[in-house]
């Protein structure tokens, strides 16, 4: 009875650890994408539309008699452009502070989760894989999990976390291009 419970825990442990690591990688990738994408406010959109309209009107006034009016419209467009640049700079600073705090929080959560998993599964095999499948890497995968048993290699928590992290990063990059 105890042996079947241990086997059940071992058979469920590896996929559950992988799902946890994959979820953390998805969150990390989403934060990266949101940082790159940024956002534009309605005020910025309105300023851009006004700039385009002023430049369009200025280019329409190409006669020598309307030169002063065209120059005035170009100066107004330049002022709007400076205002837009100022608004974007303020918005970028706020977004960077917000993103940095979320990223730090996620990193701390990842480290704590990994430490908890390592403590929980220390010296306990997470999974068992046939020796033939992992022939050259058997000892490396069974690090801190004990030796081979019944022609199977016992996979330790640290190699499993490393493997799960690499696979999770690869999957999240492919899903969120």
N, C-alpha and C. Protein backbone atom coordinates (compact mmCIF):
# COMPACT_ATOMS: atom_id res chain seq x y z
N UNK A 1 0.83 -1.20 0.00
CA UNK A 1 0.00 0.00 0.00
C UNK A 1 0.87 1.25 0.00
N UNK A 2 1.89 1.28 0.86
CA UNK A 2 2.77 2.45 0.92
C UNK A 2 3.56 2.59 -0.37
N UNK A 3 3.96 1.47 -0.96
CA UNK A 3 4.72 1.51 -2.20
C UNK A 3 3.88 2.04 -3.35
N UNK A 4 2.62 1.67 -3.41
CA UNK A 4 1.75 2.18 -4.47
C UNK A 4 1.48 3.67 -4.29
N UNK A 5 1.38 4.14 -3.06
CA UNK A 5 1.20 5.57 -2.80
C UNK A 5 2.44 6.34 -3.23
N UNK A 6 3.62 5.81 -2.94
CA UNK A 6 4.86 6.46 -3.33
C UNK A 6 4.98 6.49 -4.86
N UNK A 7 4.60 5.42 -5.53
CA UNK A 7 4.64 5.39 -6.99
C UNK A 7 3.65 6.38 -7.59
N UNK A 8 2.47 6.50 -6.98
CA UNK A 8 1.47 7.45 -7.46
C UNK A 8 1.98 8.88 -7.30
N UNK A 9 2.58 9.18 -6.13
CA UNK A 9 3.13 10.51 -5.91
C UNK A 9 4.22 10.81 -6.92
N UNK A 10 5.07 9.83 -7.19
CA UNK A 10 6.16 10.01 -8.13
C UNK A 10 5.63 10.21 -9.54
N UNK A 11 4.60 9.47 -9.91
CA UNK A 11 4.06 9.58 -11.27
C UNK A 11 3.32 10.90 -11.48
N UNK A 12 2.80 11.49 -10.42
CA UNK A 12 2.08 12.76 -10.53
C UNK A 12 3.02 13.94 -10.32
N UNK A 13 4.11 13.73 -9.61
CA UNK A 13 5.01 14.83 -9.25
C UNK A 13 5.64 15.47 -10.48
N UNK A 14 6.18 14.69 -11.39
CA UNK A 14 6.87 15.26 -12.55
C UNK A 14 5.95 16.12 -13.41
N UNK A 15 4.75 15.66 -13.80
CA UNK A 15 3.88 16.54 -14.59
C UNK A 15 3.43 17.78 -13.83
N UNK A 16 3.17 17.65 -12.54
CA UNK A 16 2.73 18.81 -11.76
C UNK A 16 3.84 19.85 -11.66
N UNK A 17 5.07 19.40 -11.43
CA UNK A 17 6.20 20.33 -11.39
C UNK A 17 6.35 21.01 -12.75
N UNK A 18 6.23 20.25 -13.82
CA UNK A 18 6.33 20.83 -15.16
C UNK A 18 5.25 21.87 -15.40
N UNK A 19 4.03 21.60 -14.98
CA UNK A 19 2.93 22.56 -15.17
C UNK A 19 3.18 23.83 -14.37
N UNK A 20 3.68 23.70 -13.14
CA UNK A 20 3.98 24.87 -12.32
C UNK A 20 5.06 25.72 -12.99
N UNK A 21 6.13 25.07 -13.44
CA UNK A 21 7.23 25.79 -14.09
C UNK A 21 6.74 26.42 -15.39
N UNK A 22 5.93 25.73 -16.15
CA UNK A 22 5.39 26.26 -17.41
C UNK A 22 4.52 27.49 -17.15
N UNK A 23 3.70 27.45 -16.12
CA UNK A 23 2.87 28.61 -15.78
C UNK A 23 3.74 29.81 -15.41
N UNK A 24 4.80 29.59 -14.66
CA UNK A 24 5.70 30.68 -14.31
C UNK A 24 6.39 31.25 -15.55
N UNK A 25 6.77 30.39 -16.48
CA UNK A 25 7.39 30.85 -17.71
C UNK A 25 6.41 31.65 -18.58
N UNK A 26 5.15 31.22 -18.61
CA UNK A 26 4.12 31.96 -19.36
C UNK A 26 3.95 33.36 -18.78
N UNK A 27 3.88 33.47 -17.45
CA UNK A 27 3.74 34.78 -16.83
C UNK A 27 4.93 35.67 -17.14
N UNK A 28 6.12 35.11 -17.07
CA UNK A 28 7.31 35.88 -17.37
C UNK A 28 7.30 36.37 -18.81
N UNK A 29 6.90 35.53 -19.72
CA UNK A 29 6.85 35.90 -21.14
C UNK A 29 5.77 36.97 -21.38
N UNK A 30 4.63 36.86 -20.70
CA UNK A 30 3.59 37.87 -20.85
C UNK A 30 4.06 39.24 -20.37
N UNK A 31 4.81 39.27 -19.27
CA UNK A 31 5.35 40.54 -18.79
C UNK A 31 6.33 41.13 -19.80
N UNK A 32 7.16 40.29 -20.43
CA UNK A 32 8.09 40.77 -21.45
C UNK A 32 7.34 41.37 -22.63
N UNK A 33 6.30 40.69 -23.08
CA UNK A 33 5.53 41.16 -24.22
C UNK A 33 4.83 42.48 -23.90
N UNK A 34 4.25 42.59 -22.70
CA UNK A 34 3.58 43.83 -22.31
C UNK A 34 4.56 44.99 -22.22
N UNK A 35 5.78 44.71 -21.80
CA UNK A 35 6.78 45.77 -21.71
C UNK A 35 7.15 46.27 -23.10
N UNK A 36 7.32 45.35 -24.05
CA UNK A 36 7.69 45.73 -25.41
C UNK A 36 6.56 46.47 -26.12
N UNK A 37 5.34 45.99 -25.91
CA UNK A 37 4.20 46.53 -26.63
C UNK A 37 3.89 47.96 -26.22
N UNK A 38 3.86 48.21 -24.94
CA UNK A 38 3.50 49.55 -24.47
C UNK A 38 2.05 49.85 -24.76
N UNK A 39 1.64 51.06 -24.48
CA UNK A 39 0.26 51.45 -24.77
C UNK A 39 0.22 52.93 -25.15
N UNK A 40 -0.75 53.27 -25.94
CA UNK A 40 -0.93 54.66 -26.33
C UNK A 40 -2.26 55.13 -25.77
N UNK A 41 -2.24 56.29 -25.16
CA UNK A 41 -3.46 56.81 -24.57
C UNK A 41 -4.27 57.56 -25.62
N UNK A 42 -5.50 57.84 -25.28
CA UNK A 42 -6.37 58.56 -26.21
C UNK A 42 -5.86 59.99 -26.41
N UNK A 43 -5.23 60.55 -25.38
CA UNK A 43 -4.67 61.90 -25.50
C UNK A 43 -3.54 61.91 -26.53
N UNK A 44 -2.69 60.87 -26.51
CA UNK A 44 -1.61 60.77 -27.48
C UNK A 44 -2.17 60.62 -28.90
N UNK A 45 -3.19 59.81 -29.03
CA UNK A 45 -3.81 59.62 -30.35
C UNK A 45 -4.39 60.93 -30.86
N UNK A 46 -5.02 61.70 -29.98
CA UNK A 46 -5.62 62.96 -30.36
C UNK A 46 -4.53 63.96 -30.79
N UNK A 47 -3.40 63.99 -30.05
CA UNK A 47 -2.31 64.89 -30.41
C UNK A 47 -1.73 64.53 -31.78
N UNK A 48 -1.60 63.25 -32.05
CA UNK A 48 -1.08 62.82 -33.35
C UNK A 48 -2.03 63.23 -34.48
N UNK A 49 -3.32 63.05 -34.25
CA UNK A 49 -4.30 63.44 -35.26
C UNK A 49 -4.26 64.95 -35.52
N UNK A 50 -4.14 65.74 -34.44
CA UNK A 50 -4.06 67.19 -34.60
C UNK A 50 -2.79 67.59 -35.35
N UNK A 51 -1.67 66.91 -35.05
CA UNK A 51 -0.42 67.20 -35.74
C UNK A 51 -0.55 66.93 -37.23
N UNK A 52 -1.12 65.78 -37.57
CA UNK A 52 -1.29 65.43 -38.98
C UNK A 52 -2.18 66.45 -39.69
N UNK A 53 -3.24 66.85 -39.01
CA UNK A 53 -4.18 67.81 -39.61
C UNK A 53 -3.49 69.16 -39.83
N UNK A 54 -2.72 69.62 -38.84
CA UNK A 54 -2.02 70.90 -38.98
C UNK A 54 -0.99 70.85 -40.10
N UNK A 55 -0.25 69.77 -40.20
CA UNK A 55 0.74 69.64 -41.27
C UNK A 55 0.09 69.55 -42.64
N UNK A 56 -1.06 68.89 -42.69
CA UNK A 56 -1.80 68.79 -43.94
C UNK A 56 -2.28 70.17 -44.39
N UNK A 57 -2.81 70.94 -43.44
CA UNK A 57 -3.27 72.30 -43.76
C UNK A 57 -2.10 73.18 -44.17
N UNK A 58 -0.96 73.02 -43.49
CA UNK A 58 0.21 73.83 -43.82
C UNK A 58 0.72 73.51 -45.22
N UNK A 59 0.71 72.24 -45.59
CA UNK A 59 1.19 71.88 -46.93
C UNK A 59 0.22 72.35 -48.01
N UNK A 60 -1.05 72.48 -47.66
CA UNK A 60 -2.04 72.97 -48.63
C UNK A 60 -1.85 74.46 -48.90
N UNK A 61 -1.28 75.18 -47.93
CA UNK A 61 -1.06 76.63 -48.09
C UNK A 61 0.34 76.84 -48.68
N UNK A 62 0.48 76.70 -49.96
CA UNK A 62 1.80 76.79 -50.59
C UNK A 62 1.99 78.08 -51.40
N UNK A 63 1.04 78.95 -51.35
CA UNK A 63 1.13 80.22 -52.09
C UNK A 63 2.01 81.19 -51.30
N UNK A 64 2.69 82.10 -51.99
CA UNK A 64 3.52 83.09 -51.29
C UNK A 64 2.71 83.99 -50.36
N UNK A 65 1.45 84.23 -50.70
CA UNK A 65 0.63 85.11 -49.86
C UNK A 65 0.20 84.42 -48.56
N UNK A 66 0.22 83.09 -48.52
CA UNK A 66 -0.20 82.35 -47.32
C UNK A 66 0.99 81.73 -46.57
N UNK A 67 2.20 82.21 -46.89
CA UNK A 67 3.39 81.64 -46.25
C UNK A 67 3.38 81.83 -44.74
N UNK A 68 2.98 82.99 -44.26
CA UNK A 68 2.99 83.26 -42.82
C UNK A 68 2.02 82.32 -42.10
N UNK A 69 0.86 82.12 -42.68
CA UNK A 69 -0.12 81.23 -42.06
C UNK A 69 0.39 79.78 -42.05
N UNK A 70 1.06 79.35 -43.12
CA UNK A 70 1.61 77.99 -43.18
C UNK A 70 2.72 77.82 -42.14
N UNK A 71 3.56 78.84 -41.98
CA UNK A 71 4.63 78.77 -40.99
C UNK A 71 4.05 78.68 -39.58
N UNK A 72 2.98 79.42 -39.33
CA UNK A 72 2.33 79.38 -38.02
C UNK A 72 1.78 77.98 -37.75
N UNK A 73 1.15 77.37 -38.76
CA UNK A 73 0.61 76.01 -38.59
C UNK A 73 1.73 75.00 -38.35
N UNK A 74 2.86 75.17 -39.02
CA UNK A 74 4.00 74.26 -38.80
C UNK A 74 4.55 74.41 -37.39
N UNK A 75 4.61 75.63 -36.88
CA UNK A 75 5.07 75.86 -35.50
C UNK A 75 4.11 75.21 -34.50
N UNK A 76 2.80 75.32 -34.77
CA UNK A 76 1.82 74.67 -33.89
C UNK A 76 2.00 73.15 -33.91
N UNK A 77 2.26 72.58 -35.09
CA UNK A 77 2.48 71.14 -35.20
C UNK A 77 3.74 70.72 -34.44
N UNK A 78 4.78 71.54 -34.51
CA UNK A 78 6.02 71.25 -33.78
C UNK A 78 5.77 71.30 -32.27
N UNK A 79 4.98 72.26 -31.82
CA UNK A 79 4.64 72.35 -30.39
C UNK A 79 3.86 71.11 -29.95
N UNK A 80 2.93 70.66 -30.79
CA UNK A 80 2.15 69.45 -30.47
C UNK A 80 3.08 68.24 -30.42
N UNK A 81 4.06 68.21 -31.31
CA UNK A 81 5.00 67.09 -31.34
C UNK A 81 5.84 67.05 -30.05
N UNK A 82 6.27 68.21 -29.58
CA UNK A 82 7.03 68.28 -28.32
C UNK A 82 6.16 67.85 -27.14
N UNK A 83 4.91 68.28 -27.16
CA UNK A 83 3.98 67.88 -26.09
C UNK A 83 3.77 66.36 -26.10
N UNK A 84 3.65 65.79 -27.29
CA UNK A 84 3.49 64.34 -27.41
C UNK A 84 4.72 63.60 -26.89
N UNK A 85 5.90 64.11 -27.23
CA UNK A 85 7.14 63.48 -26.76
C UNK A 85 7.23 63.55 -25.24
N UNK A 86 6.82 64.66 -24.66
CA UNK A 86 6.84 64.82 -23.20
C UNK A 86 5.87 63.82 -22.55
N UNK A 87 4.65 63.71 -23.11
CA UNK A 87 3.66 62.77 -22.57
C UNK A 87 4.17 61.32 -22.66
N UNK A 88 4.79 60.98 -23.79
CA UNK A 88 5.30 59.62 -23.95
C UNK A 88 6.44 59.33 -22.99
N UNK A 89 7.29 60.30 -22.74
CA UNK A 89 8.39 60.11 -21.79
C UNK A 89 7.85 59.86 -20.38
N UNK A 90 6.86 60.62 -19.98
CA UNK A 90 6.26 60.43 -18.65
C UNK A 90 5.60 59.05 -18.58
N UNK A 91 4.87 58.69 -19.62
CA UNK A 91 4.20 57.39 -19.64
C UNK A 91 5.21 56.23 -19.61
N UNK A 92 6.31 56.37 -20.36
CA UNK A 92 7.33 55.32 -20.38
C UNK A 92 7.99 55.14 -19.02
N UNK A 93 8.22 56.23 -18.30
CA UNK A 93 8.80 56.13 -16.96
C UNK A 93 7.85 55.39 -16.01
N UNK A 94 6.57 55.74 -16.07
CA UNK A 94 5.58 55.08 -15.22
C UNK A 94 5.47 53.59 -15.56
N UNK A 95 5.45 53.29 -16.85
CA UNK A 95 5.34 51.89 -17.28
C UNK A 95 6.56 51.09 -16.86
N UNK A 96 7.74 51.70 -16.94
CA UNK A 96 8.97 51.00 -16.57
C UNK A 96 8.96 50.69 -15.08
N UNK A 97 8.55 51.65 -14.26
CA UNK A 97 8.49 51.41 -12.82
C UNK A 97 7.49 50.29 -12.50
N UNK A 98 6.35 50.33 -13.13
CA UNK A 98 5.33 49.32 -12.91
C UNK A 98 5.84 47.95 -13.36
N UNK A 99 6.42 47.90 -14.55
CA UNK A 99 6.91 46.62 -15.09
C UNK A 99 8.03 46.07 -14.22
N UNK A 100 8.94 46.95 -13.76
CA UNK A 100 10.04 46.48 -12.92
C UNK A 100 9.54 45.88 -11.61
N UNK A 101 8.51 46.48 -11.02
CA UNK A 101 7.99 45.94 -9.76
C UNK A 101 7.32 44.58 -9.99
N UNK A 102 6.57 44.44 -11.09
CA UNK A 102 5.96 43.15 -11.41
C UNK A 102 7.01 42.08 -11.68
N UNK A 103 8.05 42.46 -12.41
CA UNK A 103 9.11 41.51 -12.75
C UNK A 103 9.85 41.06 -11.49
N UNK A 104 10.15 42.00 -10.60
CA UNK A 104 10.82 41.64 -9.34
C UNK A 104 9.94 40.70 -8.51
N UNK A 105 8.66 41.01 -8.44
CA UNK A 105 7.74 40.16 -7.69
C UNK A 105 7.66 38.75 -8.27
N UNK A 106 7.62 38.67 -9.59
CA UNK A 106 7.56 37.36 -10.25
C UNK A 106 8.86 36.58 -10.03
N UNK A 107 9.99 37.27 -10.09
CA UNK A 107 11.28 36.61 -9.87
C UNK A 107 11.36 36.07 -8.45
N UNK A 108 10.94 36.85 -7.48
CA UNK A 108 10.95 36.39 -6.08
C UNK A 108 10.02 35.19 -5.93
N UNK A 109 8.85 35.26 -6.55
CA UNK A 109 7.91 34.14 -6.48
C UNK A 109 8.49 32.89 -7.13
N UNK A 110 9.18 33.04 -8.26
CA UNK A 110 9.81 31.89 -8.92
C UNK A 110 10.87 31.26 -8.03
N UNK A 111 11.73 32.09 -7.45
CA UNK A 111 12.80 31.57 -6.58
C UNK A 111 12.20 30.83 -5.39
N UNK A 112 11.21 31.42 -4.76
CA UNK A 112 10.58 30.76 -3.61
C UNK A 112 9.90 29.45 -4.01
N UNK A 113 9.25 29.44 -5.17
CA UNK A 113 8.61 28.21 -5.65
C UNK A 113 9.65 27.14 -5.93
N UNK A 114 10.75 27.51 -6.59
CA UNK A 114 11.80 26.53 -6.88
C UNK A 114 12.42 26.00 -5.59
N UNK A 115 12.67 26.89 -4.62
CA UNK A 115 13.23 26.45 -3.34
C UNK A 115 12.28 25.50 -2.62
N UNK A 116 11.00 25.83 -2.63
CA UNK A 116 10.01 24.97 -1.99
C UNK A 116 9.98 23.59 -2.65
N UNK A 117 10.00 23.56 -3.97
CA UNK A 117 10.00 22.28 -4.68
C UNK A 117 11.28 21.49 -4.39
N UNK A 118 12.41 22.18 -4.35
CA UNK A 118 13.67 21.48 -4.05
C UNK A 118 13.65 20.91 -2.64
N UNK A 119 13.18 21.68 -1.69
CA UNK A 119 13.12 21.17 -0.30
C UNK A 119 12.14 20.01 -0.21
N UNK A 120 11.02 20.13 -0.88
CA UNK A 120 9.98 19.10 -0.81
C UNK A 120 10.45 17.77 -1.43
N UNK A 121 11.15 17.84 -2.56
CA UNK A 121 11.54 16.63 -3.27
C UNK A 121 13.03 16.31 -3.14
N UNK A 122 13.71 16.85 -2.15
CA UNK A 122 15.13 16.58 -1.97
C UNK A 122 15.34 15.10 -1.66
N UNK A 123 16.20 14.48 -2.41
CA UNK A 123 16.56 13.06 -2.28
C UNK A 123 15.38 12.12 -2.54
N UNK A 124 14.33 12.64 -3.13
CA UNK A 124 13.19 11.81 -3.52
C UNK A 124 13.13 11.84 -5.04
N UNK A 125 13.08 10.70 -5.69
CA UNK A 125 12.99 10.72 -7.15
C UNK A 125 11.66 11.31 -7.62
N UNK A 126 11.75 12.16 -8.62
CA UNK A 126 10.56 12.81 -9.17
C UNK A 126 9.91 11.90 -10.21
N UNK A 127 10.74 11.23 -10.98
CA UNK A 127 10.23 10.34 -12.03
C UNK A 127 11.25 9.22 -12.25
N UNK A 128 10.80 8.19 -12.92
CA UNK A 128 11.73 7.12 -13.31
C UNK A 128 11.61 6.90 -14.81
N UNK A 129 12.78 6.82 -15.45
CA UNK A 129 12.84 6.69 -16.90
C UNK A 129 13.71 5.49 -17.22
N UNK A 130 13.37 4.79 -18.25
CA UNK A 130 14.14 3.62 -18.68
C UNK A 130 15.58 4.02 -18.99
N UNK A 131 16.53 3.16 -18.60
CA UNK A 131 17.94 3.44 -18.83
C UNK A 131 18.26 3.61 -20.31
N UNK A 132 17.59 2.86 -21.16
CA UNK A 132 17.87 2.92 -22.58
C UNK A 132 17.54 4.30 -23.17
N UNK A 133 16.53 4.98 -22.62
CA UNK A 133 16.14 6.29 -23.15
C UNK A 133 17.14 7.39 -22.82
N UNK A 134 17.81 7.25 -21.69
CA UNK A 134 18.73 8.30 -21.23
C UNK A 134 20.14 7.75 -21.04
N UNK A 135 20.57 6.88 -21.94
CA UNK A 135 21.82 6.15 -21.80
C UNK A 135 23.01 7.03 -21.42
N UNK A 136 23.36 8.07 -22.15
CA UNK A 136 24.56 8.80 -21.74
C UNK A 136 24.32 9.78 -20.58
N UNK A 137 23.07 10.13 -20.31
CA UNK A 137 22.79 11.15 -19.30
C UNK A 137 22.17 10.62 -18.02
N UNK A 138 22.15 9.33 -17.83
CA UNK A 138 21.49 8.73 -16.68
C UNK A 138 21.98 9.23 -15.35
N UNK A 139 23.31 9.29 -15.17
CA UNK A 139 23.86 9.75 -13.88
C UNK A 139 23.55 11.21 -13.63
N UNK A 140 23.57 12.01 -14.69
CA UNK A 140 23.30 13.43 -14.53
C UNK A 140 21.84 13.66 -14.13
N UNK A 141 20.93 12.91 -14.70
CA UNK A 141 19.51 13.07 -14.36
C UNK A 141 19.17 12.53 -12.98
N UNK A 142 19.94 11.55 -12.53
CA UNK A 142 19.62 10.96 -11.23
C UNK A 142 20.37 11.63 -10.09
N UNK A 143 20.96 12.79 -10.34
CA UNK A 143 21.70 13.50 -9.32
C UNK A 143 20.79 13.81 -8.12
N UNK A 144 21.20 13.41 -6.96
CA UNK A 144 20.49 13.62 -5.68
C UNK A 144 19.14 12.89 -5.61
N UNK A 145 18.99 11.83 -6.40
CA UNK A 145 17.73 11.09 -6.34
C UNK A 145 17.98 9.61 -6.07
N UNK A 146 19.19 9.22 -5.87
CA UNK A 146 19.49 7.82 -5.64
C UNK A 146 19.91 7.16 -6.94
N UNK A 147 20.35 5.94 -6.81
CA UNK A 147 20.85 5.21 -7.97
C UNK A 147 19.72 4.59 -8.77
N UNK A 148 20.10 3.87 -9.82
CA UNK A 148 19.08 3.22 -10.66
C UNK A 148 18.37 2.10 -9.91
N UNK A 149 17.12 1.90 -10.25
CA UNK A 149 16.34 0.85 -9.63
C UNK A 149 15.49 0.18 -10.70
N UNK A 150 15.53 -1.17 -10.74
CA UNK A 150 14.72 -1.94 -11.69
C UNK A 150 14.93 -1.51 -13.14
N UNK A 151 16.18 -1.34 -13.53
CA UNK A 151 16.52 -0.95 -14.90
C UNK A 151 15.95 0.42 -15.28
N UNK A 152 15.65 1.24 -14.29
CA UNK A 152 15.16 2.60 -14.53
C UNK A 152 16.10 3.60 -13.87
N UNK A 153 16.19 4.79 -14.43
CA UNK A 153 16.97 5.86 -13.85
C UNK A 153 16.00 6.76 -13.08
N UNK A 154 16.33 7.04 -11.84
CA UNK A 154 15.50 7.91 -11.02
C UNK A 154 15.92 9.37 -11.27
N UNK A 155 14.98 10.20 -11.65
CA UNK A 155 15.27 11.60 -11.97
C UNK A 155 15.10 12.44 -10.72
N UNK A 156 16.13 13.26 -10.41
CA UNK A 156 16.10 14.13 -9.24
C UNK A 156 15.40 15.44 -9.53
N UNK A 157 15.13 16.19 -8.47
CA UNK A 157 14.37 17.43 -8.60
C UNK A 157 15.16 18.53 -9.31
N UNK A 158 16.43 18.66 -9.02
CA UNK A 158 17.21 19.73 -9.63
C UNK A 158 17.34 19.54 -11.14
N UNK A 159 17.73 18.35 -11.63
CA UNK A 159 17.75 18.19 -13.09
C UNK A 159 16.36 18.36 -13.73
N UNK A 160 15.33 17.91 -13.01
CA UNK A 160 13.98 18.05 -13.56
C UNK A 160 13.56 19.52 -13.65
N UNK A 161 13.92 20.32 -12.65
CA UNK A 161 13.61 21.75 -12.70
C UNK A 161 14.37 22.44 -13.84
N UNK A 162 15.62 22.08 -14.01
CA UNK A 162 16.41 22.67 -15.09
C UNK A 162 15.80 22.31 -16.44
N UNK A 163 15.48 21.05 -16.61
CA UNK A 163 14.88 20.59 -17.87
C UNK A 163 13.51 21.23 -18.10
N UNK A 164 12.70 21.28 -17.06
CA UNK A 164 11.37 21.87 -17.18
C UNK A 164 11.44 23.36 -17.50
N UNK A 165 12.40 24.06 -16.91
CA UNK A 165 12.56 25.49 -17.18
C UNK A 165 12.95 25.73 -18.63
N UNK A 166 13.89 24.97 -19.14
CA UNK A 166 14.32 25.14 -20.52
C UNK A 166 13.18 24.84 -21.50
N UNK A 167 12.47 23.74 -21.25
CA UNK A 167 11.36 23.38 -22.13
C UNK A 167 10.23 24.41 -22.01
N UNK A 168 9.95 24.87 -20.79
CA UNK A 168 8.91 25.88 -20.58
C UNK A 168 9.21 27.18 -21.30
N UNK A 169 10.49 27.62 -21.25
CA UNK A 169 10.87 28.84 -21.97
C UNK A 169 10.70 28.66 -23.47
N UNK A 170 11.09 27.51 -23.96
CA UNK A 170 10.96 27.25 -25.40
C UNK A 170 9.49 27.25 -25.83
N UNK A 171 8.64 26.61 -25.06
CA UNK A 171 7.21 26.57 -25.38
C UNK A 171 6.59 27.96 -25.30
N UNK A 172 6.92 28.72 -24.26
CA UNK A 172 6.31 30.04 -24.13
C UNK A 172 6.78 30.99 -25.23
N UNK A 173 8.01 30.85 -25.69
CA UNK A 173 8.47 31.68 -26.81
C UNK A 173 7.75 31.34 -28.10
N UNK A 174 7.47 30.06 -28.29
CA UNK A 174 6.77 29.67 -29.51
C UNK A 174 5.30 30.06 -29.48
N UNK A 175 4.68 30.00 -28.32
CA UNK A 175 3.27 30.35 -28.22
C UNK A 175 3.07 31.85 -28.30
N UNK A 176 3.89 32.62 -27.58
CA UNK A 176 3.77 34.09 -27.55
C UNK A 176 4.88 34.71 -28.37
N UNK A 177 4.75 34.67 -29.68
CA UNK A 177 5.79 35.25 -30.54
C UNK A 177 5.70 36.73 -30.58
